[in-house]
Each structure stands twice: as C-alpha cells, then as structure tokens.
N, C-alpha and C. Protein backbone atom coordinates (compact mmCIF):
# COMPACT_ATOMS: atom_id res chain seq x y z
N MET A 1 38.75 117.68 172.42
CA MET A 1 39.18 117.84 171.05
C MET A 1 39.56 116.49 170.43
N CYS A 2 40.14 115.64 171.23
CA CYS A 2 40.55 114.32 170.74
C CYS A 2 39.33 113.49 170.34
N CYS A 3 38.27 113.56 171.14
CA CYS A 3 37.05 112.81 170.83
C CYS A 3 36.39 113.33 169.56
N LEU A 4 36.43 114.63 169.35
CA LEU A 4 35.87 115.21 168.13
C LEU A 4 36.63 114.73 166.91
N PHE A 5 37.96 114.68 167.02
CA PHE A 5 38.78 114.18 165.92
C PHE A 5 38.47 112.71 165.64
N ALA A 6 38.29 111.91 166.68
CA ALA A 6 37.98 110.49 166.51
C ALA A 6 36.62 110.31 165.85
N ILE A 7 35.65 111.11 166.26
CA ILE A 7 34.30 111.00 165.67
C ILE A 7 34.34 111.38 164.20
N LEU A 8 35.04 112.46 163.85
CA LEU A 8 35.15 112.86 162.45
C LEU A 8 35.91 111.83 161.62
N PHE A 9 36.93 111.22 162.21
CA PHE A 9 37.72 110.22 161.50
C PHE A 9 36.88 108.98 161.21
N LEU A 10 36.03 108.60 162.17
CA LEU A 10 35.22 107.40 161.99
C LEU A 10 33.98 107.64 161.14
N LEU A 11 33.33 108.77 161.34
CA LEU A 11 32.09 109.04 160.62
C LEU A 11 32.30 109.80 159.31
N GLY A 12 33.43 110.44 159.14
CA GLY A 12 33.68 111.26 157.96
C GLY A 12 33.55 110.52 156.65
N PRO A 13 34.28 109.42 156.44
CA PRO A 13 34.16 108.74 155.15
C PRO A 13 32.79 108.07 154.96
N ARG A 14 32.21 107.59 156.05
CA ARG A 14 30.88 106.96 155.93
C ARG A 14 29.84 108.00 155.53
N LEU A 15 29.89 109.15 156.16
CA LEU A 15 28.94 110.21 155.83
C LEU A 15 29.17 110.70 154.39
N ALA A 16 30.42 110.84 154.00
CA ALA A 16 30.72 111.27 152.63
C ALA A 16 30.22 110.25 151.61
N LEU A 17 30.42 108.97 151.91
CA LEU A 17 29.94 107.93 150.99
C LEU A 17 28.42 107.89 150.90
N LEU A 18 27.74 108.04 152.03
CA LEU A 18 26.28 108.04 152.01
C LEU A 18 25.72 109.23 151.24
N ILE A 19 26.30 110.40 151.45
CA ILE A 19 25.84 111.58 150.71
C ILE A 19 26.12 111.42 149.22
N TRP A 20 27.31 110.90 148.89
CA TRP A 20 27.67 110.69 147.49
C TRP A 20 26.72 109.67 146.86
N TRP A 21 26.36 108.63 147.60
CA TRP A 21 25.46 107.60 147.09
C TRP A 21 24.06 108.18 146.86
N LEU A 22 23.62 109.07 147.73
CA LEU A 22 22.29 109.67 147.56
C LEU A 22 22.27 110.70 146.42
N VAL A 23 23.37 111.42 146.24
CA VAL A 23 23.41 112.46 145.21
C VAL A 23 23.64 111.86 143.82
N LYS A 24 24.55 110.88 143.72
CA LYS A 24 24.88 110.29 142.42
C LYS A 24 24.77 108.77 142.47
N PRO A 25 23.57 108.24 142.53
CA PRO A 25 23.43 106.77 142.60
C PRO A 25 23.87 106.07 141.33
N LEU A 26 23.80 106.75 140.19
CA LEU A 26 24.24 106.14 138.93
C LEU A 26 25.74 105.90 138.91
N TYR A 27 26.51 106.76 139.57
CA TYR A 27 27.95 106.56 139.64
C TYR A 27 28.27 105.28 140.41
N PHE A 28 27.54 105.04 141.50
CA PHE A 28 27.73 103.81 142.26
C PHE A 28 27.35 102.60 141.44
N GLN A 29 26.31 102.72 140.62
CA GLN A 29 25.88 101.60 139.79
C GLN A 29 26.88 101.28 138.69
N THR A 30 27.59 102.31 138.20
CA THR A 30 28.58 102.04 137.17
C THR A 30 29.85 101.42 137.75
N ILE A 31 30.23 101.81 138.97
CA ILE A 31 31.44 101.26 139.59
C ILE A 31 31.17 99.87 140.16
N PHE A 32 30.06 99.72 140.88
CA PHE A 32 29.69 98.44 141.47
C PHE A 32 28.48 97.89 140.73
N ASN A 33 28.41 96.57 140.63
CA ASN A 33 27.29 95.96 139.91
C ASN A 33 26.02 95.86 140.74
N ASN A 34 26.16 95.80 142.06
CA ASN A 34 24.99 95.69 142.93
C ASN A 34 25.16 96.64 144.11
N TRP A 35 24.20 96.63 145.02
CA TRP A 35 24.24 97.56 146.15
C TRP A 35 24.85 96.94 147.39
N ILE A 36 25.07 95.62 147.40
CA ILE A 36 25.57 94.94 148.59
C ILE A 36 27.04 95.27 148.84
N LEU A 37 27.86 95.24 147.83
CA LEU A 37 29.30 95.49 148.00
C LEU A 37 29.59 96.91 148.50
N PRO A 38 28.98 97.97 147.95
CA PRO A 38 29.25 99.28 148.54
C PRO A 38 28.71 99.43 149.95
N LEU A 39 27.62 98.77 150.27
CA LEU A 39 27.08 98.82 151.63
C LEU A 39 28.03 98.16 152.62
N ILE A 40 28.56 97.01 152.25
CA ILE A 40 29.55 96.35 153.10
C ILE A 40 30.81 97.20 153.22
N GLY A 41 31.19 97.84 152.13
CA GLY A 41 32.35 98.72 152.16
C GLY A 41 32.15 99.92 153.06
N ILE A 42 30.96 100.50 153.05
CA ILE A 42 30.67 101.64 153.91
C ILE A 42 30.72 101.23 155.38
N ILE A 43 30.25 100.03 155.68
CA ILE A 43 30.22 99.58 157.08
C ILE A 43 31.61 99.19 157.57
N PHE A 44 32.35 98.38 156.81
CA PHE A 44 33.59 97.80 157.31
C PHE A 44 34.86 98.48 156.81
N LEU A 45 34.91 98.93 155.58
CA LEU A 45 36.12 99.53 154.99
C LEU A 45 35.78 100.86 154.32
N PRO A 46 35.43 101.88 155.09
CA PRO A 46 34.96 103.12 154.47
C PRO A 46 36.05 103.88 153.71
N TRP A 47 37.26 103.94 154.24
CA TRP A 47 38.32 104.67 153.53
C TRP A 47 38.70 103.97 152.23
N THR A 48 38.75 102.66 152.24
CA THR A 48 39.08 101.90 151.03
C THR A 48 37.99 102.07 149.98
N THR A 49 36.74 102.05 150.39
CA THR A 49 35.63 102.24 149.46
C THR A 49 35.64 103.64 148.87
N LEU A 50 35.92 104.63 149.70
CA LEU A 50 35.96 106.01 149.21
C LEU A 50 37.09 106.20 148.20
N ILE A 51 38.26 105.69 148.50
CA ILE A 51 39.39 105.82 147.56
C ILE A 51 39.10 105.04 146.28
N TYR A 52 38.50 103.86 146.40
CA TYR A 52 38.18 103.07 145.21
C TYR A 52 37.20 103.81 144.31
N LEU A 53 36.22 104.46 144.90
CA LEU A 53 35.27 105.23 144.08
C LEU A 53 35.95 106.39 143.38
N ILE A 54 36.95 106.97 144.02
CA ILE A 54 37.65 108.10 143.41
C ILE A 54 38.52 107.64 142.25
N VAL A 55 39.21 106.50 142.39
CA VAL A 55 40.18 106.09 141.37
C VAL A 55 39.63 105.10 140.34
N ALA A 56 38.49 104.47 140.59
CA ALA A 56 38.02 103.39 139.72
C ALA A 56 37.53 103.87 138.36
N SER A 57 37.06 105.10 138.26
CA SER A 57 36.50 105.54 136.99
C SER A 57 37.55 105.65 135.89
N GLY A 58 38.79 105.97 136.24
CA GLY A 58 39.85 106.07 135.25
C GLY A 58 40.69 104.82 135.13
N GLY A 59 40.35 103.79 135.86
CA GLY A 59 41.14 102.58 135.88
C GLY A 59 42.19 102.66 136.98
N VAL A 60 42.48 101.55 137.59
CA VAL A 60 43.41 101.51 138.71
C VAL A 60 44.82 101.33 138.18
N THR A 61 45.66 102.35 138.40
CA THR A 61 47.06 102.29 137.99
C THR A 61 47.92 101.98 139.20
N ALA A 62 49.24 102.07 139.04
CA ALA A 62 50.16 101.71 140.12
C ALA A 62 50.01 102.64 141.33
N PHE A 63 49.93 103.95 141.10
CA PHE A 63 49.79 104.87 142.22
C PHE A 63 48.42 104.72 142.87
N ASP A 64 47.41 104.44 142.07
CA ASP A 64 46.07 104.21 142.63
C ASP A 64 46.05 102.96 143.50
N LEU A 65 46.79 101.94 143.09
CA LEU A 65 46.90 100.74 143.91
C LEU A 65 47.58 101.05 145.24
N PHE A 66 48.60 101.91 145.21
CA PHE A 66 49.25 102.34 146.44
C PHE A 66 48.26 103.05 147.35
N LEU A 67 47.42 103.93 146.79
CA LEU A 67 46.41 104.63 147.58
C LEU A 67 45.39 103.66 148.17
N LEU A 68 45.00 102.66 147.41
CA LEU A 68 44.05 101.67 147.91
C LEU A 68 44.65 100.84 149.05
N ILE A 69 45.90 100.45 148.91
CA ILE A 69 46.56 99.69 149.98
C ILE A 69 46.71 100.56 151.22
N PHE A 70 47.06 101.81 151.04
CA PHE A 70 47.19 102.73 152.18
C PHE A 70 45.85 102.93 152.89
N ALA A 71 44.77 103.08 152.13
CA ALA A 71 43.44 103.23 152.72
C ALA A 71 43.03 101.96 153.45
N PHE A 72 43.37 100.80 152.90
CA PHE A 72 43.07 99.53 153.56
C PHE A 72 43.83 99.42 154.89
N ILE A 73 45.08 99.85 154.90
CA ILE A 73 45.87 99.84 156.14
C ILE A 73 45.26 100.78 157.17
N ILE A 74 44.76 101.92 156.73
CA ILE A 74 44.10 102.85 157.67
C ILE A 74 42.84 102.21 158.25
N ASP A 75 42.06 101.54 157.41
CA ASP A 75 40.85 100.88 157.90
C ASP A 75 41.18 99.77 158.90
N ILE A 76 42.11 98.93 158.57
CA ILE A 76 42.49 97.85 159.48
C ILE A 76 43.14 98.42 160.73
N GLY A 77 43.90 99.47 160.59
CA GLY A 77 44.54 100.11 161.75
C GLY A 77 43.53 100.70 162.71
N SER A 78 42.41 101.18 162.20
CA SER A 78 41.39 101.73 163.09
C SER A 78 40.77 100.64 163.95
N TYR A 79 40.62 99.43 163.39
CA TYR A 79 40.09 98.32 164.18
C TYR A 79 41.12 97.82 165.19
N SER A 80 42.35 97.66 164.75
CA SER A 80 43.37 97.15 165.67
C SER A 80 43.74 98.19 166.72
N GLY A 81 43.64 99.46 166.40
CA GLY A 81 43.91 100.50 167.38
C GLY A 81 42.89 100.52 168.50
N SER A 82 41.64 100.24 168.17
CA SER A 82 40.62 100.20 169.21
C SER A 82 40.79 98.97 170.10
N ILE A 83 41.25 97.89 169.52
CA ILE A 83 41.51 96.69 170.33
C ILE A 83 42.68 96.95 171.27
N TYR A 84 43.73 97.57 170.76
CA TYR A 84 44.89 97.86 171.58
C TYR A 84 44.56 98.87 172.67
N GLY A 85 43.71 99.83 172.38
CA GLY A 85 43.33 100.84 173.35
C GLY A 85 42.49 100.29 174.49
N ASN A 86 41.74 99.22 174.23
CA ASN A 86 40.88 98.64 175.25
C ASN A 86 41.50 97.43 175.93
N ARG A 87 42.78 97.23 175.79
CA ARG A 87 43.42 96.05 176.36
C ARG A 87 43.38 96.05 177.88
N ASP A 88 43.36 97.20 178.53
CA ASP A 88 43.33 97.26 179.98
C ASP A 88 41.94 97.02 180.56
N SER A 89 40.91 97.14 179.75
CA SER A 89 39.55 96.94 180.26
C SER A 89 39.17 95.47 180.34
N ILE A 90 39.99 94.60 179.77
CA ILE A 90 39.72 93.16 179.82
C ILE A 90 40.09 92.66 181.22
N SER A 91 39.24 91.87 181.80
CA SER A 91 39.48 91.36 183.14
C SER A 91 40.67 90.40 183.13
N ARG A 92 41.53 90.56 184.13
CA ARG A 92 42.71 89.71 184.24
C ARG A 92 42.56 88.75 185.42
N ASN A 93 41.35 88.41 185.78
CA ASN A 93 41.10 87.51 186.91
C ASN A 93 41.03 86.06 186.48
N ASN A 94 41.44 85.75 185.29
CA ASN A 94 41.33 84.37 184.80
C ASN A 94 42.31 83.48 185.45
C-alpha cells in the first residue's frame, strides 16, 4: 500500500498535467509563452506547475502565493526525502 501511495504521489501531478496539456493546449499557451517552461515544470516541479496553472488565470494573490510556496516545498521535499531514505545504501568503506 505504501508503494502505491508513493507511485500516485509521484505520477499523479505529472499525469494530470499531461492530460490537461493534451485536452486544453490553448490554456497552456495563454499561461506560458512557450512549451519549454511547462515541460521543465512537469519533469522537475510538478506540484508547483499544477498549482500555478490553477491560480495564474485570475492573477496571483497573497493566498495563491502561499499555495505556490507550499507546492514548491512539497516538490523539494520529495527530492530530499528520497536522498534521506537512501542514505544507508551509500557505501561507507571510504
């Protein structure tokens, strides 16, 4: 069950963004000027990109900024959590 939750947490926003991009490509073109920035966002910061797409159409207000910072912390936390989880697999024979 834990692995299923991890897979959904990692692939969920990426899959949602890809489906959203395929269904409404004009929305992505209005929020972003080119296709490179959303692609980089999908690969490296999926939660931040998803929240930005949700809040950007009405303009980013104070609470929206809080949501963006929280999503960024979740994205960075997923990378640092995997590093912390694999700390025992590093060889200590140095």
